[in-house]
Amino acid sequence: MKKSHYYLGFSLIELMIVIAIVGILSTMVLPSYQNYAYRARFAEVVAAAAPFKTAVSLAAQQGIPLKELNNGQQGIPPAPKPSKNLASLEVKNGIITATSTEIAGAATYILQPDDEGSHWQVSGTCLSKRLCGD
């Protein structure tokens, strides 16, 4: 009578293929996750600029020239203290410049109003790093 051997489990080749597939997938996912984390941290920088944007808009609509709109003047709040994600936020001549820390992407977020303070142009390194904007 013939003896049959049944082997249960995975062969070494099958395990190597699974490890290779997991490695390939993780190299594709990791950069996406890092960008997502930077965007989430940079959201604090955008949120911190919002009250300054409102203050500059209100002052410009009241007829105050943009060159007089600086931190701590004409109803513009003083510069906030740095935080984990926000390195600095400055209002100079009505232009808001916020800079993030290294863990939030080390990018700048610049908001420039029109003369009436109703339309804003967004610029800075956050656009090229895809941390702000669309």
N, C-alpha and C. Protein backbone atom coordinates (compact mmCIF):
# COMPACT_ATOMS: atom_id res chain seq x y z
N MET A 1 0.83 -1.16 0.00
CA MET A 1 0.00 0.00 0.00
C MET A 1 0.88 1.24 0.00
N LYS A 2 0.42 2.21 -0.76
CA LYS A 2 1.16 3.45 -0.91
C LYS A 2 0.82 4.42 0.21
N LYS A 3 1.87 5.03 0.73
CA LYS A 3 1.69 6.02 1.77
C LYS A 3 1.62 7.41 1.15
N SER A 4 0.60 8.21 1.45
CA SER A 4 0.56 9.57 0.93
C SER A 4 0.86 10.56 2.05
N HIS A 5 1.65 11.53 1.67
CA HIS A 5 2.01 12.58 2.62
C HIS A 5 1.31 13.87 2.21
N TYR A 6 0.59 14.41 3.13
CA TYR A 6 -0.06 15.70 2.88
C TYR A 6 0.66 16.75 3.73
N TYR A 7 1.13 17.76 3.05
CA TYR A 7 1.84 18.82 3.76
C TYR A 7 0.89 20.00 3.93
N LEU A 8 0.80 20.44 5.13
CA LEU A 8 -0.04 21.59 5.42
C LEU A 8 0.86 22.79 5.66
N GLY A 9 0.38 23.97 5.21
CA GLY A 9 1.16 25.19 5.43
C GLY A 9 1.58 25.79 4.09
N PHE A 10 2.43 26.79 4.20
CA PHE A 10 2.88 27.51 3.01
C PHE A 10 4.33 27.15 2.70
N SER A 11 4.64 27.17 1.44
CA SER A 11 6.02 26.93 1.06
C SER A 11 6.82 28.21 1.21
N LEU A 12 8.11 28.10 1.17
CA LEU A 12 8.99 29.26 1.30
C LEU A 12 8.77 30.25 0.16
N ILE A 13 8.56 29.78 -1.02
CA ILE A 13 8.32 30.65 -2.18
C ILE A 13 7.04 31.45 -1.99
N GLU A 14 5.99 30.82 -1.53
CA GLU A 14 4.73 31.54 -1.30
C GLU A 14 4.90 32.63 -0.25
N LEU A 15 5.63 32.35 0.81
CA LEU A 15 5.87 33.36 1.85
C LEU A 15 6.71 34.51 1.31
N MET A 16 7.70 34.21 0.49
CA MET A 16 8.55 35.27 -0.10
C MET A 16 7.72 36.16 -1.03
N ILE A 17 6.80 35.59 -1.77
CA ILE A 17 5.94 36.38 -2.66
C ILE A 17 5.05 37.31 -1.85
N VAL A 18 4.48 36.82 -0.78
CA VAL A 18 3.62 37.65 0.08
C VAL A 18 4.43 38.79 0.68
N ILE A 19 5.63 38.51 1.16
CA ILE A 19 6.48 39.56 1.75
C ILE A 19 6.84 40.60 0.69
N ALA A 20 7.13 40.17 -0.51
CA ALA A 20 7.46 41.11 -1.59
C ALA A 20 6.27 42.00 -1.92
N ILE A 21 5.08 41.43 -1.98
CA ILE A 21 3.88 42.22 -2.28
C ILE A 21 3.62 43.23 -1.18
N VAL A 22 3.73 42.83 0.06
CA VAL A 22 3.55 43.75 1.19
C VAL A 22 4.58 44.87 1.14
N GLY A 23 5.81 44.56 0.82
CA GLY A 23 6.86 45.57 0.70
C GLY A 23 6.57 46.58 -0.39
N ILE A 24 6.12 46.11 -1.53
CA ILE A 24 5.80 47.01 -2.64
C ILE A 24 4.63 47.91 -2.28
N LEU A 25 3.60 47.37 -1.68
CA LEU A 25 2.44 48.17 -1.28
C LEU A 25 2.81 49.21 -0.23
N SER A 26 3.66 48.84 0.71
CA SER A 26 4.03 49.80 1.75
C SER A 26 4.87 50.94 1.21
N THR A 27 5.69 50.69 0.20
CA THR A 27 6.47 51.79 -0.39
C THR A 27 5.58 52.74 -1.17
N MET A 28 4.44 52.27 -1.63
CA MET A 28 3.51 53.15 -2.35
C MET A 28 2.63 53.93 -1.37
N VAL A 29 2.30 53.36 -0.23
CA VAL A 29 1.37 53.98 0.71
C VAL A 29 2.07 54.99 1.62
N LEU A 30 3.30 54.76 2.01
CA LEU A 30 3.99 55.60 2.98
C LEU A 30 4.07 57.07 2.56
N PRO A 31 4.45 57.42 1.33
CA PRO A 31 4.48 58.84 0.96
C PRO A 31 3.10 59.50 1.02
N SER A 32 2.07 58.77 0.67
CA SER A 32 0.72 59.32 0.75
C SER A 32 0.33 59.60 2.18
N TYR A 33 0.69 58.72 3.08
CA TYR A 33 0.38 58.91 4.49
C TYR A 33 1.14 60.11 5.05
N GLN A 34 2.40 60.26 4.68
CA GLN A 34 3.19 61.40 5.17
C GLN A 34 2.58 62.71 4.69
N ASN A 35 2.17 62.78 3.43
CA ASN A 35 1.55 64.00 2.91
C ASN A 35 0.24 64.28 3.64
N TYR A 36 -0.53 63.25 3.92
CA TYR A 36 -1.77 63.41 4.67
C TYR A 36 -1.49 63.98 6.07
N ALA A 37 -0.45 63.48 6.72
CA ALA A 37 -0.10 63.96 8.07
C ALA A 37 0.34 65.42 8.02
N TYR A 38 1.14 65.80 7.01
CA TYR A 38 1.56 67.20 6.87
C TYR A 38 0.34 68.11 6.65
N ARG A 39 -0.57 67.67 5.79
CA ARG A 39 -1.78 68.48 5.51
C ARG A 39 -2.62 68.66 6.77
N ALA A 40 -2.74 67.62 7.55
CA ALA A 40 -3.53 67.70 8.79
C ALA A 40 -2.88 68.67 9.77
N ARG A 41 -1.56 68.62 9.89
CA ARG A 41 -0.87 69.54 10.79
C ARG A 41 -0.90 70.97 10.26
N PHE A 42 -0.80 71.12 8.94
CA PHE A 42 -0.81 72.45 8.34
C PHE A 42 -2.18 73.12 8.47
N ALA A 43 -3.21 72.33 8.69
CA ALA A 43 -4.55 72.90 8.88
C ALA A 43 -4.58 73.84 10.08
N GLU A 44 -3.74 73.60 11.09
CA GLU A 44 -3.66 74.51 12.23
C GLU A 44 -3.12 75.87 11.80
N VAL A 45 -2.19 75.89 10.87
CA VAL A 45 -1.62 77.14 10.37
C VAL A 45 -2.69 77.94 9.63
N VAL A 46 -3.46 77.26 8.80
CA VAL A 46 -4.54 77.92 8.05
C VAL A 46 -5.61 78.45 9.02
N ALA A 47 -5.94 77.66 10.02
CA ALA A 47 -6.93 78.09 11.01
C ALA A 47 -6.44 79.28 11.83
N ALA A 48 -5.15 79.30 12.15
CA ALA A 48 -4.59 80.41 12.92
C ALA A 48 -4.62 81.71 12.12
N ALA A 49 -4.56 81.63 10.81
CA ALA A 49 -4.57 82.83 9.97
C ALA A 49 -5.98 83.40 9.79
N ALA A 50 -7.01 82.61 10.04
CA ALA A 50 -8.39 83.04 9.80
C ALA A 50 -8.80 84.30 10.56
N PRO A 51 -8.54 84.44 11.87
CA PRO A 51 -8.95 85.66 12.57
C PRO A 51 -8.20 86.90 12.05
N PHE A 52 -6.97 86.72 11.61
CA PHE A 52 -6.20 87.83 11.07
C PHE A 52 -6.76 88.25 9.71
N LYS A 53 -7.20 87.26 8.95
CA LYS A 53 -7.83 87.54 7.65
C LYS A 53 -9.11 88.35 7.85
N THR A 54 -9.91 87.97 8.84
CA THR A 54 -11.14 88.71 9.14
C THR A 54 -10.82 90.13 9.59
N ALA A 55 -9.83 90.29 10.46
CA ALA A 55 -9.47 91.62 10.96
C ALA A 55 -8.97 92.53 9.84
N VAL A 56 -8.15 91.99 8.94
CA VAL A 56 -7.64 92.79 7.82
C VAL A 56 -8.79 93.17 6.89
N SER A 57 -9.70 92.24 6.64
CA SER A 57 -10.86 92.53 5.78
C SER A 57 -11.71 93.65 6.36
N LEU A 58 -11.99 93.55 7.66
CA LEU A 58 -12.81 94.59 8.31
C LEU A 58 -12.12 95.95 8.27
N ALA A 59 -10.83 95.99 8.55
CA ALA A 59 -10.10 97.26 8.53
C ALA A 59 -10.06 97.84 7.13
N ALA A 60 -9.83 97.02 6.12
CA ALA A 60 -9.78 97.51 4.73
C ALA A 60 -11.14 98.03 4.30
N GLN A 61 -12.22 97.37 4.74
CA GLN A 61 -13.55 97.83 4.36
C GLN A 61 -13.95 99.10 5.10
N GLN A 62 -13.27 99.40 6.20
CA GLN A 62 -13.50 100.65 6.91
C GLN A 62 -12.68 101.79 6.32
N GLY A 63 -11.91 101.50 5.29
CA GLY A 63 -11.15 102.54 4.60
C GLY A 63 -9.74 102.74 5.11
N ILE A 64 -9.26 101.87 5.98
CA ILE A 64 -7.89 101.99 6.47
C ILE A 64 -6.95 101.45 5.39
N PRO A 65 -5.94 102.23 5.00
CA PRO A 65 -5.01 101.76 3.95
C PRO A 65 -4.27 100.49 4.39
N LEU A 66 -4.01 99.61 3.44
CA LEU A 66 -3.34 98.35 3.74
C LEU A 66 -1.96 98.56 4.36
N LYS A 67 -1.27 99.63 3.99
CA LYS A 67 0.08 99.85 4.51
C LYS A 67 0.08 100.14 6.02
N GLU A 68 -1.10 100.44 6.59
CA GLU A 68 -1.21 100.69 8.03
C GLU A 68 -1.64 99.46 8.82
N LEU A 69 -1.86 98.35 8.13
CA LEU A 69 -2.36 97.14 8.79
C LEU A 69 -1.21 96.21 9.14
N ASN A 70 -0.83 96.24 10.41
CA ASN A 70 0.26 95.42 10.94
C ASN A 70 -0.21 94.79 12.25
N ASN A 71 0.53 93.80 12.72
CA ASN A 71 0.18 93.16 13.99
C ASN A 71 0.07 94.20 15.10
N GLY A 72 -1.02 94.12 15.87
CA GLY A 72 -1.20 95.00 17.02
C GLY A 72 -1.63 96.42 16.69
N GLN A 73 -1.99 96.70 15.44
CA GLN A 73 -2.41 98.05 15.04
C GLN A 73 -3.73 97.98 14.28
N GLN A 74 -4.52 99.02 14.42
CA GLN A 74 -5.77 99.18 13.65
C GLN A 74 -6.71 97.98 13.80
N GLY A 75 -6.76 97.38 14.96
CA GLY A 75 -7.66 96.26 15.21
C GLY A 75 -7.11 94.91 14.79
N ILE A 76 -5.87 94.88 14.30
CA ILE A 76 -5.26 93.60 13.94
C ILE A 76 -4.66 93.00 15.21
N PRO A 77 -4.96 91.74 15.53
CA PRO A 77 -4.43 91.13 16.76
C PRO A 77 -2.89 91.06 16.75
N PRO A 78 -2.29 91.01 17.92
CA PRO A 78 -0.83 90.80 17.96
C PRO A 78 -0.48 89.39 17.47
N ALA A 79 0.76 89.21 17.12
CA ALA A 79 1.21 87.90 16.61
C ALA A 79 1.01 86.82 17.69
N PRO A 80 0.49 85.68 17.30
CA PRO A 80 0.29 84.60 18.28
C PRO A 80 1.62 83.95 18.66
N LYS A 81 1.61 83.28 19.79
CA LYS A 81 2.81 82.55 20.22
C LYS A 81 2.99 81.32 19.33
N PRO A 82 4.23 80.94 19.09
CA PRO A 82 4.48 79.72 18.30
C PRO A 82 3.88 78.49 18.99
N SER A 83 3.48 77.54 18.20
CA SER A 83 2.93 76.29 18.73
C SER A 83 3.66 75.11 18.09
N LYS A 84 3.13 73.94 18.29
CA LYS A 84 3.74 72.73 17.75
C LYS A 84 3.78 72.77 16.21
N ASN A 85 2.76 73.36 15.59
CA ASN A 85 2.68 73.38 14.13
C ASN A 85 2.87 74.77 13.53
N LEU A 86 2.66 75.82 14.30
CA LEU A 86 2.78 77.19 13.80
C LEU A 86 4.08 77.81 14.32
N ALA A 87 4.98 78.15 13.40
CA ALA A 87 6.25 78.77 13.80
C ALA A 87 6.07 80.27 14.01
N SER A 88 5.39 80.94 13.06
CA SER A 88 5.18 82.38 13.18
C SER A 88 4.00 82.80 12.31
N LEU A 89 3.42 83.93 12.68
CA LEU A 89 2.34 84.53 11.91
C LEU A 89 2.50 86.04 12.00
N GLU A 90 2.66 86.68 10.85
CA GLU A 90 2.92 88.11 10.82
C GLU A 90 1.98 88.79 9.83
N VAL A 91 1.48 89.94 10.23
CA VAL A 91 0.71 90.79 9.33
C VAL A 91 1.53 92.05 9.10
N LYS A 92 1.87 92.29 7.85
CA LYS A 92 2.66 93.47 7.49
C LYS A 92 2.08 94.06 6.22
N ASN A 93 1.65 95.32 6.31
CA ASN A 93 1.02 96.02 5.18
C ASN A 93 -0.21 95.26 4.66
N GLY A 94 -0.93 94.62 5.57
CA GLY A 94 -2.14 93.89 5.21
C GLY A 94 -1.90 92.48 4.69
N ILE A 95 -0.65 92.12 4.47
CA ILE A 95 -0.31 90.78 3.95
C ILE A 95 -0.03 89.86 5.13
N ILE A 96 -0.73 88.74 5.16
CA ILE A 96 -0.59 87.76 6.24
C ILE A 96 0.38 86.68 5.79
N THR A 97 1.43 86.48 6.58
CA THR A 97 2.41 85.44 6.29
C THR A 97 2.51 84.51 7.49
N ALA A 98 2.09 83.27 7.30
CA ALA A 98 2.16 82.26 8.35
C ALA A 98 3.17 81.20 7.93
N THR A 99 4.00 80.79 8.86
CA THR A 99 5.02 79.79 8.60
C THR A 99 4.81 78.61 9.53
N SER A 100 4.86 77.42 8.96
CA SER A 100 4.67 76.21 9.78
C SER A 100 6.01 75.68 10.27
N THR A 101 5.95 74.85 11.28
CA THR A 101 7.16 74.22 11.81
C THR A 101 7.58 73.06 10.92
N GLU A 102 8.69 72.47 11.27
CA GLU A 102 9.22 71.35 10.48
C GLU A 102 8.26 70.16 10.45
N ILE A 103 7.63 69.85 11.57
CA ILE A 103 6.73 68.68 11.59
C ILE A 103 5.43 68.92 10.82
N ALA A 104 5.15 70.19 10.49
CA ALA A 104 3.96 70.50 9.71
C ALA A 104 4.31 70.83 8.27
N GLY A 105 5.52 70.49 7.84
CA GLY A 105 5.88 70.65 6.44
C GLY A 105 6.83 71.80 6.14
N ALA A 106 7.14 72.65 7.12
CA ALA A 106 8.05 73.78 6.94
C ALA A 106 7.68 74.59 5.69
N ALA A 107 6.46 75.06 5.65
CA ALA A 107 5.97 75.80 4.49
C ALA A 107 5.43 77.16 4.92
N THR A 108 5.31 78.06 3.94
CA THR A 108 4.73 79.37 4.19
C THR A 108 3.34 79.44 3.57
N TYR A 109 2.49 80.20 4.21
CA TYR A 109 1.10 80.42 3.76
C TYR A 109 0.92 81.93 3.72
N ILE A 110 0.82 82.48 2.53
CA ILE A 110 0.75 83.94 2.36
C ILE A 110 -0.61 84.31 1.80
N LEU A 111 -1.28 85.24 2.48
CA LEU A 111 -2.58 85.75 2.05
C LEU A 111 -2.43 87.24 1.74
N GLN A 112 -2.76 87.61 0.52
CA GLN A 112 -2.65 89.01 0.11
C GLN A 112 -4.04 89.50 -0.32
N PRO A 113 -4.55 90.56 0.36
CA PRO A 113 -5.89 91.05 0.03
C PRO A 113 -5.86 92.05 -1.12
N ASP A 114 -7.03 92.23 -1.75
CA ASP A 114 -7.14 93.34 -2.68
C ASP A 114 -7.35 94.61 -1.86
N ASP A 115 -7.50 95.75 -2.50
CA ASP A 115 -7.61 97.03 -1.78
C ASP A 115 -8.84 97.10 -0.88
N GLU A 116 -9.90 96.38 -1.23
CA GLU A 116 -11.13 96.40 -0.44
C GLU A 116 -11.15 95.33 0.65
N GLY A 117 -10.24 94.38 0.58
CA GLY A 117 -10.20 93.30 1.57
C GLY A 117 -11.24 92.23 1.36
N SER A 118 -11.83 92.18 0.18
CA SER A 118 -12.88 91.19 -0.07
C SER A 118 -12.39 89.97 -0.84
N HIS A 119 -11.30 90.10 -1.57
CA HIS A 119 -10.74 88.98 -2.32
C HIS A 119 -9.30 88.77 -1.88
N TRP A 120 -8.94 87.51 -1.74
CA TRP A 120 -7.61 87.16 -1.23
C TRP A 120 -6.88 86.27 -2.22
N GLN A 121 -5.60 86.56 -2.38
CA GLN A 121 -4.75 85.72 -3.21
C GLN A 121 -3.88 84.87 -2.29
N VAL A 122 -3.89 83.57 -2.50
CA VAL A 122 -3.10 82.64 -1.69
C VAL A 122 -1.82 82.32 -2.44
N SER A 123 -0.69 82.42 -1.74
CA SER A 123 0.59 82.04 -2.33
C SER A 123 1.47 81.46 -1.22
N GLY A 124 2.69 81.15 -1.56
CA GLY A 124 3.61 80.57 -0.59
C GLY A 124 4.03 79.17 -1.00
N THR A 125 4.95 78.62 -0.23
CA THR A 125 5.45 77.30 -0.54
C THR A 125 4.45 76.18 -0.24
N CYS A 126 3.38 76.52 0.49
CA CYS A 126 2.38 75.50 0.79
C CYS A 126 1.66 75.03 -0.48
N LEU A 127 1.60 75.88 -1.50
CA LEU A 127 0.94 75.48 -2.75
C LEU A 127 1.76 74.42 -3.47
N SER A 128 3.06 74.63 -3.59
CA SER A 128 3.89 73.66 -4.29
C SER A 128 4.02 72.35 -3.51
N LYS A 129 3.91 72.42 -2.18
CA LYS A 129 3.96 71.22 -1.35
C LYS A 129 2.60 70.57 -1.19
N ARG A 130 1.56 71.16 -1.78
CA ARG A 130 0.19 70.66 -1.73
C ARG A 130 -0.35 70.55 -0.31
N LEU A 131 -0.06 71.58 0.50
CA LEU A 131 -0.55 71.60 1.87
C LEU A 131 -1.74 72.54 2.04
N CYS A 132 -1.90 73.47 1.12
CA CYS A 132 -3.01 74.41 1.18
C CYS A 132 -3.62 74.57 -0.20
N GLY A 133 -4.73 75.25 -0.29
CA GLY A 133 -5.38 75.45 -1.57
C GLY A 133 -6.17 74.22 -1.97
N ASP A 134 -6.43 74.12 -3.26
CA ASP A 134 -7.24 73.00 -3.77
C ASP A 134 -6.47 71.74 -3.93
